Amino acid sequence: METSSVLRRIGSFALAGCVLAGAALPGFARQQQGGEAKKEEKKDARPQDVKPQKGGDLTGEQVAELVIFAFGARERLQQIRRSGVERGRVTRAAEDGRNEEINYTRHFKRGDSYEKDKIRLDQRKPSLEYSLVFNEGKVFGLLRGTSFTPRQEDVTTFLADRVHGIDTLLRYKESGSTVKYVGKENQKGLELWSIDLTDKEKNTTRFFVSTKTWRVLWLEFEETPAGERAAVKFRRTFHDYRVVQGTYVPYRSVFYSGDRQLEESQVMSVTYGLKVEDDMFRSPETAALP
């Protein structure tokens, strides 16, 4: 299996932006200077409707609601993360064994529904700069001020976080996804809940959530890369959580195919609540119309 086909098919910027994870509780809004999150122990509090069923298990939706609650509560997330700008860098393993670095800037603006979001991803490689834009369900590319139709594999990569990302869990009700409780387990000394999220297109992602902090520690999913017959298991882990305007962001994530690391993503900065003009998400042809 070629590394490039896997990366293009599955996840180049699954981290970027909306890939985010929960944290400790409303008290987490207090943060250290420089944006570093304080280490806090989880308080004995949870949404009133999240109560264990007979046998002590939770439902899938109850675990999802704990993640959302720990992240800052649904209403706060909707208000603070209505728009924003994220900057970062992705280090990817190239076919020749060397590492390729891609700097990116991601602008986004939430729509009235999940399908009406607007996203623009500007990517800067050593030999090329271009942008991909998602505007209310449609995707196009921009190169030197001219629009173009990107390849389907690039579109899949661009929108990977909307299929297999933490933001998909945080917005599962908006996107019409279903959540199923899988069970409780211990791995490497960590007590975890595992839940499966299935979207309207029948894509399934398994999330592993800490029972102590209610954060997503990693997610897993299976895909069949182009040219392959057997499905491959992929995994993305999340690290270095920091407080950003009262919500938590994992500043680093690592993407694996099996046990092989394919790429590492690093957020450099993220700011929510900025005014983002709609013109940024329009094609040159549309912007030229009266």
C-alpha atoms as a PDB file:
ATOM      1  CA  MET A   1       0.000   0.000   0.000  1.00  0.00           C
ATOM      2  CA  GLU A   2       1.420   3.367  -1.026  1.00  0.00           C
ATOM      3  CA  THR A   3       1.753   5.906   1.762  1.00  0.00           C
ATOM      4  CA  SER A   4       0.680   8.759  -0.504  1.00  0.00           C
ATOM      5  CA  SER A   5      -2.574   7.045  -1.497  1.00  0.00           C
ATOM      6  CA  VAL A   6      -3.402   6.354   2.149  1.00  0.00           C
ATOM      7  CA  LEU A   7      -2.762   9.923   3.171  1.00  0.00           C
ATOM      8  CA  ARG A   8      -4.728  11.374   0.282  1.00  0.00           C
ATOM      9  CA  ARG A   9      -7.558   8.922   0.829  1.00  0.00           C
ATOM     10  CA  ILE A  10      -7.919   9.181   4.544  1.00  0.00           C
ATOM     11  CA  GLY A  11      -6.582  12.028   6.576  1.00  0.00           C
ATOM     12  CA  SER A  12      -4.239  14.918   5.878  1.00  0.00           C
ATOM     13  CA  PHE A  13      -5.854  17.556   7.970  1.00  0.00           C
ATOM     14  CA  ALA A  14      -8.137  15.638  10.225  1.00  0.00           C
ATOM     15  CA  LEU A  15      -6.813  17.672  13.016  1.00  0.00           C
ATOM     16  CA  ALA A  16      -7.282  21.047  11.490  1.00  0.00           C
ATOM     17  CA  GLY A  17      -9.742  23.003  13.302  1.00  0.00           C
ATOM     18  CA  CYS A  18     -12.739  21.250  14.278  1.00  0.00           C
ATOM     19  CA  VAL A  19     -10.876  18.141  15.464  1.00  0.00           C
ATOM     20  CA  LEU A  20     -11.101  18.779  19.159  1.00  0.00           C
ATOM     21  CA  ALA A  21     -11.528  17.040  22.499  1.00  0.00           C
ATOM     22  CA  GLY A  22     -13.136  17.505  25.915  1.00  0.00           C
ATOM     23  CA  ALA A  23     -11.639  18.423  29.214  1.00  0.00           C
ATOM     24  CA  ALA A  24     -12.372  18.950  32.822  1.00  0.00           C
ATOM     25  CA  LEU A  25     -15.528  21.095  33.477  1.00  0.00           C
ATOM     26  CA  PRO A  26     -16.766  24.701  33.655  1.00  0.00           C
ATOM     27  CA  GLY A  27     -13.868  25.537  35.995  1.00  0.00           C
ATOM     28  CA  PHE A  28     -11.451  24.803  33.201  1.00  0.00           C
ATOM     29  CA  ALA A  29     -12.038  28.271  31.764  1.00  0.00           C
ATOM     30  CA  ARG A  30      -9.387  29.566  34.110  1.00  0.00           C
ATOM     31  CA  GLN A  31      -6.153  29.260  32.187  1.00  0.00           C
ATOM     32  CA  GLN A  32      -2.493  30.007  32.569  1.00  0.00           C
ATOM     33  CA  GLN A  33      -0.806  32.867  30.769  1.00  0.00           C
ATOM     34  CA  GLY A  34       0.322  31.870  27.316  1.00  0.00           C
ATOM     35  CA  GLY A  35      -2.703  29.652  26.762  1.00  0.00           C
ATOM     36  CA  GLU A  36      -1.440  26.613  28.693  1.00  0.00           C
ATOM     37  CA  ALA A  37      -4.224  24.700  30.432  1.00  0.00           C
ATOM     38  CA  LYS A  38      -3.974  24.234  34.160  1.00  0.00           C
ATOM     39  CA  LYS A  39      -3.900  20.705  35.400  1.00  0.00           C
ATOM     40  CA  GLU A  40      -7.217  20.141  37.128  1.00  0.00           C
ATOM     41  CA  GLU A  41      -8.909  17.134  38.565  1.00  0.00           C
ATOM     42  CA  LYS A  42     -12.392  16.405  37.307  1.00  0.00           C
ATOM     43  CA  LYS A  43     -15.102  17.581  39.672  1.00  0.00           C
ATOM     44  CA  ASP A  44     -17.850  15.212  40.671  1.00  0.00           C
ATOM     45  CA  ALA A  45     -20.417  16.792  38.381  1.00  0.00           C
ATOM     46  CA  ARG A  46     -22.170  15.829  35.178  1.00  0.00           C
ATOM     47  CA  PRO A  47     -25.298  16.749  33.224  1.00  0.00           C
ATOM     48  CA  GLN A  48     -28.395  15.838  35.185  1.00  0.00           C
ATOM     49  CA  ASP A  49     -29.662  13.484  32.485  1.00  0.00           C
ATOM     50  CA  VAL A  50     -26.437  11.444  32.428  1.00  0.00           C
ATOM     51  CA  LYS A  51     -27.079   8.704  34.950  1.00  0.00           C
ATOM     52  CA  PRO A  52     -25.828   5.108  34.751  1.00  0.00           C
ATOM     53  CA  GLN A  53     -28.300   2.477  33.587  1.00  0.00           C
ATOM     54  CA  LYS A  54     -28.906  -0.772  35.400  1.00  0.00           C
ATOM     55  CA  GLY A  55     -25.573  -2.554  35.673  1.00  0.00           C
ATOM     56  CA  GLY A  56     -23.659   0.734  35.854  1.00  0.00           C
ATOM     57  CA  ASP A  57     -23.248   1.287  32.107  1.00  0.00           C
ATOM     58  CA  LEU A  58     -23.951   4.501  30.247  1.00  0.00           C
ATOM     59  CA  THR A  59     -25.534   4.812  26.831  1.00  0.00           C
ATOM     60  CA  GLY A  60     -23.537   6.021  23.833  1.00  0.00           C
ATOM     61  CA  GLU A  61     -25.310   9.367  23.852  1.00  0.00           C
ATOM     62  CA  GLN A  62     -24.637   9.821  27.565  1.00  0.00           C
ATOM     63  CA  VAL A  63     -20.895   9.379  27.004  1.00  0.00           C
ATOM     64  CA  ALA A  64     -21.071  11.811  24.077  1.00  0.00           C
ATOM     65  CA  GLU A  65     -22.902  14.348  26.247  1.00  0.00           C
ATOM     66  CA  LEU A  66     -20.232  14.023  28.951  1.00  0.00           C
ATOM     67  CA  VAL A  67     -17.551  14.849  26.372  1.00  0.00           C
ATOM     68  CA  ILE A  68     -19.543  17.861  25.171  1.00  0.00           C
ATOM     69  CA  PHE A  69     -20.247  18.986  28.742  1.00  0.00           C
ATOM     70  CA  ALA A  70     -16.598  18.690  29.737  1.00  0.00           C
ATOM     71  CA  PHE A  71     -15.645  20.590  26.623  1.00  0.00           C
ATOM     72  CA  GLY A  72     -17.687  23.576  27.730  1.00  0.00           C
ATOM     73  CA  ALA A  73     -21.330  22.636  27.099  1.00  0.00           C
ATOM     74  CA  ARG A  74     -23.119  22.679  23.761  1.00  0.00           C
ATOM     75  CA  GLU A  75     -24.366  26.275  24.022  1.00  0.00           C
ATOM     76  CA  ARG A  76     -20.907  27.652  24.803  1.00  0.00           C
ATOM     77  CA  LEU A  77     -19.322  25.742  21.932  1.00  0.00           C
ATOM     78  CA  GLN A  78     -21.948  27.022  19.521  1.00  0.00           C
ATOM     79  CA  GLN A  79     -21.353  30.604  20.615  1.00  0.00           C
ATOM     80  CA  ILE A  80     -17.555  30.675  20.885  1.00  0.00           C
ATOM     81  CA  ARG A  81     -16.738  28.459  17.925  1.00  0.00           C
ATOM     82  CA  ARG A  82     -19.062  30.126  15.487  1.00  0.00           C
ATOM     83  CA  SER A  83     -16.059  31.233  13.429  1.00  0.00           C
ATOM     84  CA  GLY A  84     -12.287  31.235  13.717  1.00  0.00           C
ATOM     85  CA  VAL A  85      -8.795  30.905  12.299  1.00  0.00           C
ATOM     86  CA  GLU A  86      -6.314  28.102  12.943  1.00  0.00           C
ATOM     87  CA  ARG A  87      -2.667  27.948  11.881  1.00  0.00           C
ATOM     88  CA  GLY A  88      -0.419  24.925  12.049  1.00  0.00           C
ATOM     89  CA  ARG A  89       1.944  22.488  10.407  1.00  0.00           C
ATOM     90  CA  VAL A  90       1.664  18.891   9.207  1.00  0.00           C
ATOM     91  CA  THR A  91       4.735  16.653   8.941  1.00  0.00           C
ATOM     92  CA  ARG A  92       4.116  13.750   6.585  1.00  0.00           C
ATOM     93  CA  ALA A  93       6.224  10.733   5.672  1.00  0.00           C
ATOM     94  CA  ALA A  94       7.001  10.885   1.932  1.00  0.00           C
ATOM     95  CA  GLU A  95       7.513   7.863  -0.317  1.00  0.00           C
ATOM     96  CA  ASP A  96      11.293   8.361  -0.411  1.00  0.00           C
ATOM     97  CA  GLY A  97      11.500   8.159   3.379  1.00  0.00           C
ATOM     98  CA  ARG A  98      11.976  11.869   3.936  1.00  0.00           C
ATOM     99  CA  ASN A  99       9.528  14.067   5.813  1.00  0.00           C
ATOM    100  CA  GLU A 100       7.416  16.632   3.989  1.00  0.00           C
ATOM    101  CA  GLU A 101       6.239  19.710   5.906  1.00  0.00           C
ATOM    102  CA  ILE A 102       3.053  21.579   5.009  1.00  0.00           C
ATOM    103  CA  ASN A 103       2.079  24.844   6.677  1.00  0.00           C
ATOM    104  CA  TYR A 104      -1.622  25.641   6.711  1.00  0.00           C
ATOM    105  CA  THR A 105      -4.116  28.321   7.655  1.00  0.00           C
ATOM    106  CA  ARG A 106      -7.718  27.321   8.146  1.00  0.00           C
ATOM    107  CA  HIS A 107     -10.637  29.759   8.242  1.00  0.00           C
ATOM    108  CA  PHE A 108     -14.113  28.501   9.108  1.00  0.00           C
ATOM    109  CA  LYS A 109     -17.613  29.791   9.660  1.00  0.00           C
ATOM    110  CA  ARG A 110     -20.480  27.675  10.949  1.00  0.00           C
ATOM    111  CA  GLY A 111     -23.721  27.714   9.019  1.00  0.00           C
ATOM    112  CA  ASP A 112     -27.296  27.421  10.211  1.00  0.00           C
ATOM    113  CA  SER A 113     -26.899  23.656   9.801  1.00  0.00           C
ATOM    114  CA  TYR A 114     -23.977  21.237   9.630  1.00  0.00           C
ATOM    115  CA  GLU A 115     -24.231  21.044   5.841  1.00  0.00           C
ATOM    116  CA  LYS A 116     -24.026  24.835   5.465  1.00  0.00           C
ATOM    117  CA  ASP A 117     -20.622  25.291   7.113  1.00  0.00           C
ATOM    118  CA  LYS A 118     -17.928  27.245   5.263  1.00  0.00           C
ATOM    119  CA  ILE A 119     -14.256  26.187   5.413  1.00  0.00           C
ATOM    120  CA  ARG A 120     -11.156  27.460   3.650  1.00  0.00           C
ATOM    121  CA  LEU A 121      -7.809  25.660   3.945  1.00  0.00           C
ATOM    122  CA  ASP A 122      -4.734  27.489   2.613  1.00  0.00           C
ATOM    123  CA  GLN A 123      -1.773  25.097   2.209  1.00  0.00           C
ATOM    124  CA  ARG A 124       1.849  26.065   1.671  1.00  0.00           C
ATOM    125  CA  LYS A 125       4.276  23.442   0.427  1.00  0.00           C
ATOM    126  CA  PRO A 126       7.898  24.192  -0.555  1.00  0.00           C
ATOM    127  CA  SER A 127       6.975  24.134  -4.257  1.00  0.00           C
ATOM    128  CA  LEU A 128       3.259  24.992  -4.260  1.00  0.00           C
ATOM    129  CA  GLU A 129       0.605  27.116  -2.576  1.00  0.00           C
ATOM    130  CA  TYR A 130      -3.105  26.566  -3.094  1.00  0.00           C
ATOM    131  CA  SER A 131      -6.429  26.583  -1.262  1.00  0.00           C
ATOM    132  CA  LEU A 132      -9.420  24.278  -0.937  1.00  0.00           C
ATOM    133  CA  VAL A 133     -12.828  25.734  -0.084  1.00  0.00           C
ATOM    134  CA  PHE A 134     -15.970  24.065   1.256  1.00  0.00           C
ATOM    135  CA  ASN A 135     -19.008  26.306   0.846  1.00  0.00           C
ATOM    136  CA  GLU A 136     -22.405  24.912   1.803  1.00  0.00           C
ATOM    137  CA  GLY A 137     -21.785  21.417   0.503  1.00  0.00           C
ATOM    138  CA  LYS A 138     -19.645  22.284  -2.531  1.00  0.00           C
ATOM    139  CA  VAL A 139     -15.840  22.075  -2.820  1.00  0.00           C
ATOM    140  CA  PHE A 140     -13.542  23.933  -5.214  1.00  0.00           C
ATOM    141  CA  GLY A 141      -9.853  24.830  -5.353  1.00  0.00           C
ATOM    142  CA  LEU A 142      -8.002  28.126  -5.757  1.00  0.00           C
ATOM    143  CA  LEU A 143      -4.593  28.476  -7.412  1.00  0.00           C
ATOM    144  CA  ARG A 144      -3.090  31.903  -8.154  1.00  0.00           C
ATOM    145  CA  GLY A 145      -6.511  33.530  -8.078  1.00  0.00           C
ATOM    146  CA  THR A 146      -8.129  30.999 -10.412  1.00  0.00           C
ATOM    147  CA  SER A 147     -10.614  28.347  -9.351  1.00  0.00           C
ATOM    148  CA  PHE A 148     -10.236  24.687 -10.313  1.00  0.00           C
ATOM    149  CA  THR A 149     -11.971  21.380  -9.665  1.00  0.00           C
ATOM    150  CA  PRO A 150      -9.891  19.335  -7.184  1.00  0.00           C
ATOM    151  CA  ARG A 151      -9.508  15.582  -7.448  1.00  0.00           C
ATOM    152  CA  GLN A 152     -11.934  13.510  -5.424  1.00  0.00           C
ATOM    153  CA  GLU A 153      -9.136  12.098  -3.262  1.00  0.00           C
ATOM    154  CA  ASP A 154      -8.093  15.653  -2.344  1.00  0.00           C
ATOM    155  CA  VAL A 155     -11.690  16.493  -1.457  1.00  0.00           C
ATOM    156  CA  THR A 156     -11.862  13.395   0.746  1.00  0.00           C
ATOM    157  CA  THR A 157      -8.656  14.419   2.499  1.00  0.00           C
ATOM    158  CA  PHE A 158      -9.828  18.025   2.939  1.00  0.00           C
ATOM    159  CA  LEU A 159     -13.094  16.969   4.585  1.00  0.00           C
ATOM    160  CA  ALA A 160     -11.643  14.075   6.604  1.00  0.00           C
ATOM    161  CA  ASP A 161     -12.270  15.757   9.962  1.00  0.00           C
ATOM    162  CA  ARG A 162     -15.977  15.978   9.103  1.00  0.00           C
ATOM    163  CA  VAL A 163     -16.033  12.180   8.730  1.00  0.00           C
ATOM    164  CA  HIS A 164     -13.513  10.885  11.285  1.00  0.00           C
ATOM    165  CA  GLY A 165     -12.833  13.738  13.709  1.00  0.00           C
ATOM    166  CA  ILE A 166     -13.597  14.830  17.248  1.00  0.00           C
ATOM    167  CA  ASP A 167     -15.733  17.697  16.042  1.00  0.00           C
ATOM    168  CA  THR A 168     -18.019  15.100  14.492  1.00  0.00           C
ATOM    169  CA  LEU A 169     -18.657  13.786  18.000  1.00  0.00           C
ATOM    170  CA  LEU A 170     -19.121  17.246  19.492  1.00  0.00           C
ATOM    171  CA  ARG A 171     -21.715  18.024  16.808  1.00  0.00           C
ATOM    172  CA  TYR A 172     -23.275  14.595  16.406  1.00  0.00           C
ATOM    173  CA  LYS A 173     -26.815  15.908  16.798  1.00  0.00           C
ATOM    174  CA  GLU A 174     -26.272  18.640  14.210  1.00  0.00           C
ATOM    175  CA  SER A 175     -24.893  16.190  11.675  1.00  0.00           C
ATOM    176  CA  GLY A 176     -27.587  13.591  12.253  1.00  0.00           C
ATOM    177  CA  SER A 177     -25.143  10.930  13.455  1.00  0.00           C
ATOM    178  CA  THR A 178     -25.970   8.097  15.850  1.00  0.00           C
ATOM    179  CA  VAL A 179     -23.838   7.031  18.821  1.00  0.00           C
ATOM    180  CA  LYS A 180     -23.659   3.523  20.275  1.00  0.00           C
ATOM    181  CA  TYR A 181     -22.055   2.447  23.543  1.00  0.00           C
ATOM    182  CA  VAL A 182     -19.460  -0.303  23.039  1.00  0.00           C
ATOM    183  CA  GLY A 183     -18.168  -0.851  26.572  1.00  0.00           C
ATOM    184  CA  LYS A 184     -15.703   0.000  29.318  1.00  0.00           C
ATOM    185  CA  GLU A 185     -12.145  -1.291  29.239  1.00  0.00           C
ATOM    186  CA  ASN A 186      -8.634  -0.782  30.575  1.00  0.00           C
ATOM    187  CA  GLN A 187      -5.694  -0.117  28.269  1.00  0.00           C
ATOM    188  CA  LYS A 188      -2.200   0.738  29.482  1.00  0.00           C
ATOM    189  CA  GLY A 189      -3.513   1.599  32.910  1.00  0.00           C
ATOM    190  CA  LEU A 190      -6.273   3.859  31.553  1.00  0.00           C
ATOM    191  CA  GLU A 191      -9.958   3.257  32.179  1.00  0.00           C
ATOM    192  CA  LEU A 192     -11.859   4.047  29.000  1.00  0.00           C
ATOM    193  CA  TRP A 193     -15.318   4.197  27.501  1.00  0.00           C
ATOM    194  CA  SER A 194     -15.520   3.226  23.854  1.00  0.00           C
ATOM    195  CA  ILE A 195     -18.369   4.431  21.636  1.00  0.00           C
ATOM    196  CA  ASP A 196     -19.135   4.092  17.935  1.00  0.00           C
ATOM    197  CA  LEU A 197     -20.378   7.080  15.950  1.00  0.00           C
ATOM    198  CA  THR A 198     -22.057   6.405  12.602  1.00  0.00           C
ATOM    199  CA  ASP A 199     -22.925   9.291  10.294  1.00  0.00           C
ATOM    200  CA  LYS A 200     -25.693   9.516   7.693  1.00  0.00           C
ATOM    201  CA  GLU A 201     -23.325   8.110   5.045  1.00  0.00           C
ATOM    202  CA  LYS A 202     -22.721   5.013   7.225  1.00  0.00           C
ATOM    203  CA  ASN A 203     -19.114   5.953   8.061  1.00  0.00           C
ATOM    204  CA  THR A 204     -18.219   4.649  11.537  1.00  0.00           C
ATOM    205  CA  THR A 205     -15.612   6.021  13.955  1.00  0.00           C
ATOM    206  CA  ARG A 206     -14.790   4.498  17.333  1.00  0.00           C
ATOM    207  CA  PHE A 207     -13.865   6.996  20.059  1.00  0.00           C
ATOM    208  CA  PHE A 208     -11.936   6.101  23.214  1.00  0.00           C
ATOM    209  CA  VAL A 209     -12.876   8.436  26.082  1.00  0.00           C
ATOM    210  CA  SER A 210     -11.185   8.709  29.476  1.00  0.00           C
ATOM    211  CA  THR A 211     -13.641   7.926  32.280  1.00  0.00           C
ATOM    212  CA  LYS A 212     -11.751  10.395  34.512  1.00  0.00           C
ATOM    213  CA  THR A 213     -11.301  13.483  32.330  1.00  0.00           C
ATOM    214  CA  TRP A 214     -14.008  12.776  29.709  1.00  0.00           C
ATOM    215  CA  ARG A 215     -11.506  13.630  26.970  1.00  0.00           C
ATOM    216  CA  VAL A 216     -11.162  11.731  23.713  1.00  0.00           C
ATOM    217  CA  LEU A 217      -7.718  10.135  23.870  1.00  0.00           C
ATOM    218  CA  TRP A 218      -7.805   8.580  20.417  1.00  0.00           C
ATOM    219  CA  LEU A 219     -10.135   7.411  17.668  1.00  0.00           C
ATOM    220  CA  GLU A 220     -10.035   4.483  15.240  1.00  0.00           C
ATOM    221  CA  PHE A 221     -11.716   3.631  11.947  1.00  0.00           C
ATOM    222  CA  GLU A 222     -11.321   1.310   8.997  1.00  0.00           C
ATOM    223  CA  GLU A 223     -11.050   2.253   5.324  1.00  0.00           C
ATOM    224  CA  THR A 224     -10.172   0.383   2.153  1.00  0.00           C
ATOM    225  CA  PRO A 225      -7.526   2.467   0.328  1.00  0.00           C
ATOM    226  CA  ALA A 226      -7.743   2.842  -3.449  1.00  0.00           C
ATOM    227  CA  GLY A 227      -6.268  -0.202  -5.151  1.00  0.00           C
ATOM    228  CA  GLU A 228      -6.530  -2.370  -2.038  1.00  0.00           C
ATOM    229  CA  ARG A 229      -8.983  -5.180  -1.331  1.00  0.00           C
ATOM    230  CA  ALA A 230      -8.721  -5.441   2.452  1.00  0.00           C
ATOM    231  CA  ALA A 231      -9.738  -2.742   4.894  1.00  0.00           C
ATOM    232  CA  VAL A 232      -6.970  -1.055   6.904  1.00  0.00           C
ATOM    233  CA  LYS A 233      -7.320   0.139  10.498  1.00  0.00           C
ATOM    234  CA  PHE A 234      -6.307   3.750  11.075  1.00  0.00           C
ATOM    235  CA  ARG A 235      -5.836   5.543  14.374  1.00  0.00           C
ATOM    236  CA  ARG A 236      -5.412   9.178  15.407  1.00  0.00           C
ATOM    237  CA  THR A 237      -4.183  10.053  18.900  1.00  0.00           C
ATOM    238  CA  PHE A 238      -4.600  13.437  20.615  1.00  0.00           C
ATOM    239  CA  HIS A 239      -2.079  15.176  22.875  1.00  0.00           C
ATOM    240  CA  ASP A 240      -1.122  18.487  24.497  1.00  0.00           C
ATOM    241  CA  TYR A 241      -4.576  19.796  25.402  1.00  0.00           C
ATOM    242  CA  ARG A 242      -4.729  23.551  25.946  1.00  0.00           C
ATOM    243  CA  VAL A 243      -7.464  25.991  26.883  1.00  0.00           C
ATOM    244  CA  VAL A 244      -8.507  28.328  24.080  1.00  0.00           C
ATOM    245  CA  GLN A 245     -11.156  30.878  25.032  1.00  0.00           C
ATOM    246  CA  GLY A 246     -12.778  28.532  27.522  1.00  0.00           C
ATOM    247  CA  THR A 247     -12.690  25.423  25.329  1.00  0.00           C
ATOM    248  CA  TYR A 248     -10.079  22.714  24.924  1.00  0.00           C
ATOM    249  CA  VAL A 249      -7.924  22.020  21.865  1.00  0.00           C
ATOM    250  CA  PRO A 250      -5.455  19.147  21.378  1.00  0.00           C
ATOM    251  CA  TYR A 251      -2.471  20.993  19.908  1.00  0.00           C
ATOM    252  CA  ARG A 252      -0.841  17.824  18.605  1.00  0.00           C
ATOM    253  CA  SER A 253      -2.190  14.688  16.955  1.00  0.00           C
ATOM    254  CA  VAL A 254      -0.526  11.655  15.374  1.00  0.00           C
ATOM    255  CA  PHE A 255      -2.024   9.583  12.573  1.00  0.00           C
ATOM    256  CA  TYR A 256      -1.228   5.858  12.168  1.00  0.00           C
ATOM    257  CA  SER A 257      -1.877   3.050   9.739  1.00  0.00           C
ATOM    258  CA  GLY A 258      -1.691   0.020  11.989  1.00  0.00           C
ATOM    259  CA  ASP A 259       1.416   0.679  14.094  1.00  0.00           C
ATOM    260  CA  ARG A 260       3.116   2.778  11.428  1.00  0.00           C
ATOM    261  CA  GLN A 261       3.117   6.559  11.898  1.00  0.00           C
ATOM    262  CA  LEU A 262       2.062   8.374   8.741  1.00  0.00           C
ATOM    263  CA  GLU A 263       1.863  11.984   9.847  1.00  0.00           C
ATOM    264  CA  GLU A 264       1.946  14.367  12.793  1.00  0.00           C
ATOM    265  CA  SER A 265      -0.109  17.546  13.017  1.00  0.00           C
ATOM    266  CA  GLN A 266       0.805  20.526  15.198  1.00  0.00           C
ATOM    267  CA  VAL A 267      -1.474  23.489  15.880  1.00  0.00           C
ATOM    268  CA  MET A 268       0.528  26.698  16.213  1.00  0.00           C
ATOM    269  CA  SER A 269      -2.348  29.042  17.093  1.00  0.00           C
ATOM    270  CA  VAL A 270      -6.136  29.153  17.039  1.00  0.00           C
ATOM    271  CA  THR A 271      -8.500  32.078  17.641  1.00  0.00           C
ATOM    272  CA  TYR A 272     -12.285  31.860  17.813  1.00  0.00           C
ATOM    273  CA  GLY A 273     -14.882  34.567  17.331  1.00  0.00           C
ATOM    274  CA  LEU A 274     -13.043  36.501  14.628  1.00  0.00           C
ATOM    275  CA  LYS A 275     -15.105  38.113  11.916  1.00  0.00           C
ATOM    276  CA  VAL A 276     -14.710  36.010   8.781  1.00  0.00           C
ATOM    277  CA  GLU A 277     -16.115  37.540   5.587  1.00  0.00           C
ATOM    278  CA  ASP A 278     -18.174  35.392   3.234  1.00  0.00           C
ATOM    279  CA  ASP A 279     -16.067  36.627   0.297  1.00  0.00           C
ATOM    280  CA  MET A 280     -13.239  34.416   1.541  1.00  0.00           C
ATOM    281  CA  PHE A 281     -15.306  31.347   0.640  1.00  0.00           C
ATOM    282  CA  ARG A 282     -16.447  32.456  -2.806  1.00  0.00           C
ATOM    283  CA  SER A 283     -14.898  31.486  -6.102  1.00  0.00           C
ATOM    284  CA  PRO A 284     -13.490  34.318  -8.266  1.00  0.00           C
ATOM    285  CA  GLU A 285     -16.272  33.750 -10.801  1.00  0.00           C
ATOM    286  CA  THR A 286     -19.009  34.058  -8.176  1.00  0.00           C
ATOM    287  CA  ALA A 287     -17.397  37.114  -6.575  1.00  0.00           C
ATOM    288  CA  ALA A 288     -17.310  38.866  -9.979  1.00  0.00           C
ATOM    289  CA  LEU A 289     -21.062  38.577 -10.478  1.00  0.00           C
ATOM    290  CA  PRO A 290     -23.118  41.723  -9.778  1.00  0.00           C
END
